[in-house]
Amino acid sequence: MFQIVYHNLVAGDEIFVLKLLNCGVENSPRFNRSLYQNTLREFLTLLVIKPIIQKDEKGKPYLPEHPFLKISISHRGPYLAVAFSEQEIGVDIEYLNVNLVKGKAYFMNEEEQDTSFSEEEHLMIWCAKEALYKKKGGGQIKPERDFTVKKEGNRLLINFEEQSWQINLDWVGDYCLVWI
């Protein structure tokens, strides 16, 4: 059985639901695909959504029985994040890891590497780029080249093709949850 540890419903013109599920795989070094699939299937059934998830040619998940509803999924450690929206959506959850700063050239462009970011902000940037990559459907997009994250006061914004999004995030212990 799973436990919902995070729920956010944003009011407005669109449907948006974000759930973070604790699957009870604490400190598991390996991804347990069947546990996550069963947890996701059980969760979707509770929402009265047929739990059929398929992937398009780029690997992006979708619900063939509910084409109006967009879905994004991420998992790390004991958590499974699931976001639904009428608009394209991207979600990512990652664990705070100090080694991420050492590999920043892998996911940050030169301008970002020259900016002073904390370890937490490095993780936020990683998650934001992963979430936007999922929102945009992947393909030929290269997050380190095509996405730029900038600080504006105490906010982080991510830019891609003349568009800008505010990074929505929450911390669950040492896990950073981002959705765009």
Protein backbone atom coordinates (compact mmCIF):
# COMPACT_ATOMS: atom_id res chain seq x y z
CA MET A 1 0.00 0.00 0.00
CA PHE A 2 1.22 3.51 -0.72
CA GLN A 3 0.90 6.72 1.21
CA ILE A 4 0.27 10.14 -0.33
CA VAL A 5 2.77 12.48 1.24
CA TYR A 6 2.31 15.51 -1.00
CA HIS A 7 -0.76 16.88 -2.74
CA ASN A 8 -1.17 20.18 -4.49
CA LEU A 9 -4.24 21.26 -6.42
CA VAL A 10 -3.81 24.59 -8.17
CA ALA A 11 -7.02 26.53 -8.77
CA GLY A 12 -7.50 28.32 -12.05
CA ASP A 13 -8.61 27.65 -15.59
CA GLU A 14 -6.91 24.29 -15.87
CA ILE A 15 -6.89 21.00 -14.03
CA PHE A 16 -3.60 20.40 -12.27
CA VAL A 17 -2.94 17.68 -9.72
CA LEU A 18 0.43 16.66 -8.37
CA LYS A 19 0.87 13.65 -6.11
CA LEU A 20 4.00 12.39 -4.48
CA LEU A 21 3.61 8.81 -3.36
CA ASN A 22 5.78 7.04 -0.84
CA CYS A 23 6.12 3.48 -2.12
CA GLY A 24 8.07 2.27 0.89
CA VAL A 25 11.30 1.50 -0.94
CA GLU A 26 13.40 3.47 1.55
CA ASN A 27 17.15 3.34 0.84
CA SER A 28 16.67 0.87 -1.99
CA PRO A 29 19.62 1.18 -4.37
CA ARG A 30 17.73 -0.41 -7.25
CA PHE A 31 14.63 0.67 -9.09
CA ASN A 32 11.79 -1.79 -8.53
CA ARG A 33 9.73 -1.42 -11.73
CA SER A 34 6.91 -3.77 -10.68
CA LEU A 35 6.42 -2.02 -7.33
CA TYR A 36 6.21 1.41 -9.00
CA GLN A 37 3.90 0.10 -11.76
CA ASN A 38 1.58 -1.50 -9.20
CA THR A 39 1.60 1.66 -7.06
CA LEU A 40 0.85 3.84 -10.06
CA ARG A 41 -1.90 1.48 -11.27
CA GLU A 42 -3.50 1.46 -7.80
CA PHE A 43 -3.29 5.27 -7.56
CA LEU A 44 -4.85 5.81 -11.01
CA THR A 45 -7.64 3.38 -10.18
CA LEU A 46 -8.45 5.45 -7.07
CA LEU A 47 -8.79 8.49 -9.34
CA VAL A 48 -11.28 6.50 -11.46
CA ILE A 49 -8.87 6.68 -14.38
CA LYS A 50 -8.29 3.56 -16.41
CA PRO A 51 -4.72 2.70 -15.49
CA ILE A 52 -3.49 2.25 -19.05
CA ILE A 53 -0.31 4.21 -19.68
CA GLN A 54 1.44 4.11 -23.02
CA LYS A 55 4.50 5.90 -24.34
CA ASP A 56 4.77 7.86 -27.56
CA GLU A 57 7.67 7.55 -30.02
CA LYS A 58 9.84 9.80 -27.80
CA GLY A 59 9.07 7.80 -24.64
CA LYS A 60 6.67 10.34 -23.15
CA PRO A 61 3.84 8.71 -21.15
CA TYR A 62 0.21 9.34 -22.04
CA LEU A 63 -3.23 8.02 -21.10
CA PRO A 64 -4.89 6.71 -24.30
CA GLU A 65 -8.31 6.53 -22.60
CA HIS A 66 -8.04 10.19 -21.47
CA PRO A 67 -6.40 12.16 -24.32
CA PHE A 68 -7.40 15.51 -22.74
CA LEU A 69 -5.32 14.73 -19.65
CA LYS A 70 -1.52 15.08 -19.77
CA ILE A 71 0.66 13.09 -17.39
CA SER A 72 4.24 13.24 -16.20
CA ILE A 73 5.95 10.72 -13.91
CA SER A 74 9.21 10.72 -11.95
CA HIS A 75 10.66 8.47 -9.27
CA ARG A 76 13.64 8.49 -6.93
CA GLY A 77 14.27 6.49 -3.78
CA PRO A 78 10.97 5.81 -2.02
CA TYR A 79 9.04 8.48 -3.97
CA LEU A 80 6.92 8.38 -7.09
CA ALA A 81 5.72 11.78 -8.37
CA VAL A 82 2.72 11.88 -10.70
CA ALA A 83 1.44 15.14 -12.25
CA PHE A 84 -1.75 15.58 -14.30
CA SER A 85 -2.85 18.64 -16.24
CA GLU A 86 -4.93 19.68 -19.21
CA GLN A 87 -1.74 21.38 -20.47
CA GLU A 88 1.60 19.71 -21.10
CA ILE A 89 3.31 19.09 -17.74
CA GLY A 90 6.69 17.96 -16.53
CA VAL A 91 7.70 16.73 -13.08
CA ASP A 92 10.98 15.55 -11.59
CA ILE A 93 12.11 14.44 -8.16
CA GLU A 94 15.76 13.94 -7.21
CA TYR A 95 17.83 13.40 -4.08
CA LEU A 96 20.26 16.09 -2.92
CA ASN A 97 23.68 14.75 -3.90
CA VAL A 98 26.88 16.76 -3.49
CA ASN A 99 28.40 14.98 -6.51
CA LEU A 100 25.92 16.80 -8.73
CA VAL A 101 27.99 20.00 -8.47
CA LYS A 102 31.06 18.14 -9.79
CA GLY A 103 29.14 17.11 -12.91
CA LYS A 104 27.52 20.47 -13.60
CA ALA A 105 29.06 20.69 -17.09
CA TYR A 106 26.81 17.77 -18.03
CA PHE A 107 23.59 19.75 -17.46
CA MET A 108 24.55 23.45 -17.22
CA ASN A 109 25.57 25.81 -20.00
CA GLU A 110 28.63 28.09 -19.61
CA GLU A 111 26.58 31.06 -18.39
CA GLU A 112 24.99 28.94 -15.66
CA GLN A 113 28.35 27.45 -14.67
CA ASP A 114 29.71 30.98 -14.19
CA THR A 115 26.83 31.90 -11.86
CA SER A 116 27.16 31.26 -8.16
CA PHE A 117 24.58 28.60 -7.24
CA SER A 118 24.29 26.69 -3.96
CA GLU A 119 24.21 22.87 -3.90
CA GLU A 120 20.44 23.06 -3.47
CA GLU A 121 20.13 25.40 -6.46
CA HIS A 122 22.22 23.03 -8.59
CA LEU A 123 19.70 20.31 -7.77
CA MET A 124 16.78 22.65 -8.53
CA ILE A 125 18.34 23.44 -11.92
CA TRP A 126 18.84 19.74 -12.68
CA CYS A 127 15.23 18.98 -11.73
CA ALA A 128 13.88 21.99 -13.63
CA LYS A 129 15.67 20.96 -16.82
CA GLU A 130 14.46 17.37 -16.44
CA ALA A 131 10.88 18.57 -15.85
CA LEU A 132 10.93 20.93 -18.84
CA TYR A 133 12.48 18.21 -21.00
CA LYS A 134 9.54 15.96 -20.07
CA LYS A 135 7.03 18.77 -20.64
CA LYS A 136 8.42 19.45 -24.12
CA GLY A 137 8.54 15.78 -25.06
CA GLY A 138 12.27 15.19 -25.28
CA GLY A 139 13.45 14.39 -28.76
CA GLN A 140 16.39 16.43 -30.07
CA ILE A 141 16.31 18.84 -27.11
CA LYS A 142 19.57 19.09 -25.18
CA PRO A 143 18.85 20.62 -21.73
CA GLU A 144 22.44 21.81 -21.20
CA ARG A 145 22.35 23.64 -24.56
CA ASP A 146 18.69 24.59 -25.04
CA PHE A 147 17.48 25.46 -21.52
CA THR A 148 18.79 28.37 -19.48
CA VAL A 149 18.07 28.94 -15.80
CA LYS A 150 18.43 32.43 -14.32
CA LYS A 151 18.05 33.87 -10.86
CA GLU A 152 15.59 36.74 -10.45
CA GLY A 153 15.66 37.78 -6.83
CA ASN A 154 14.71 34.68 -4.85
CA ARG A 155 13.09 32.98 -7.87
CA LEU A 156 14.56 30.69 -10.50
CA LEU A 157 13.24 30.96 -14.06
CA ILE A 158 13.88 28.53 -16.91
CA ASN A 159 13.93 29.69 -20.53
CA PHE A 160 13.50 27.77 -23.78
CA GLU A 161 12.76 29.11 -27.29
CA GLU A 162 11.75 32.62 -26.19
CA GLN A 163 9.46 31.26 -23.44
CA SER A 164 10.03 31.48 -19.71
CA TRP A 165 8.58 29.44 -16.83
CA GLN A 166 8.86 29.92 -13.09
CA ILE A 167 10.24 26.83 -11.41
CA ASN A 168 7.66 25.40 -8.99
CA LEU A 169 9.29 23.34 -6.31
CA ASP A 170 8.97 21.79 -2.92
CA TRP A 171 11.39 19.92 -0.66
CA VAL A 172 10.47 16.62 0.97
CA GLY A 173 13.40 16.05 3.29
CA ASP A 174 16.48 15.92 1.05
CA TYR A 175 14.39 15.35 -2.09
CA CYS A 176 13.69 18.20 -4.49
CA LEU A 177 10.34 18.04 -6.31
CA VAL A 178 9.94 20.33 -9.34
CA TRP A 179 7.03 20.75 -11.72
CA ILE A 180 6.64 22.99 -14.75
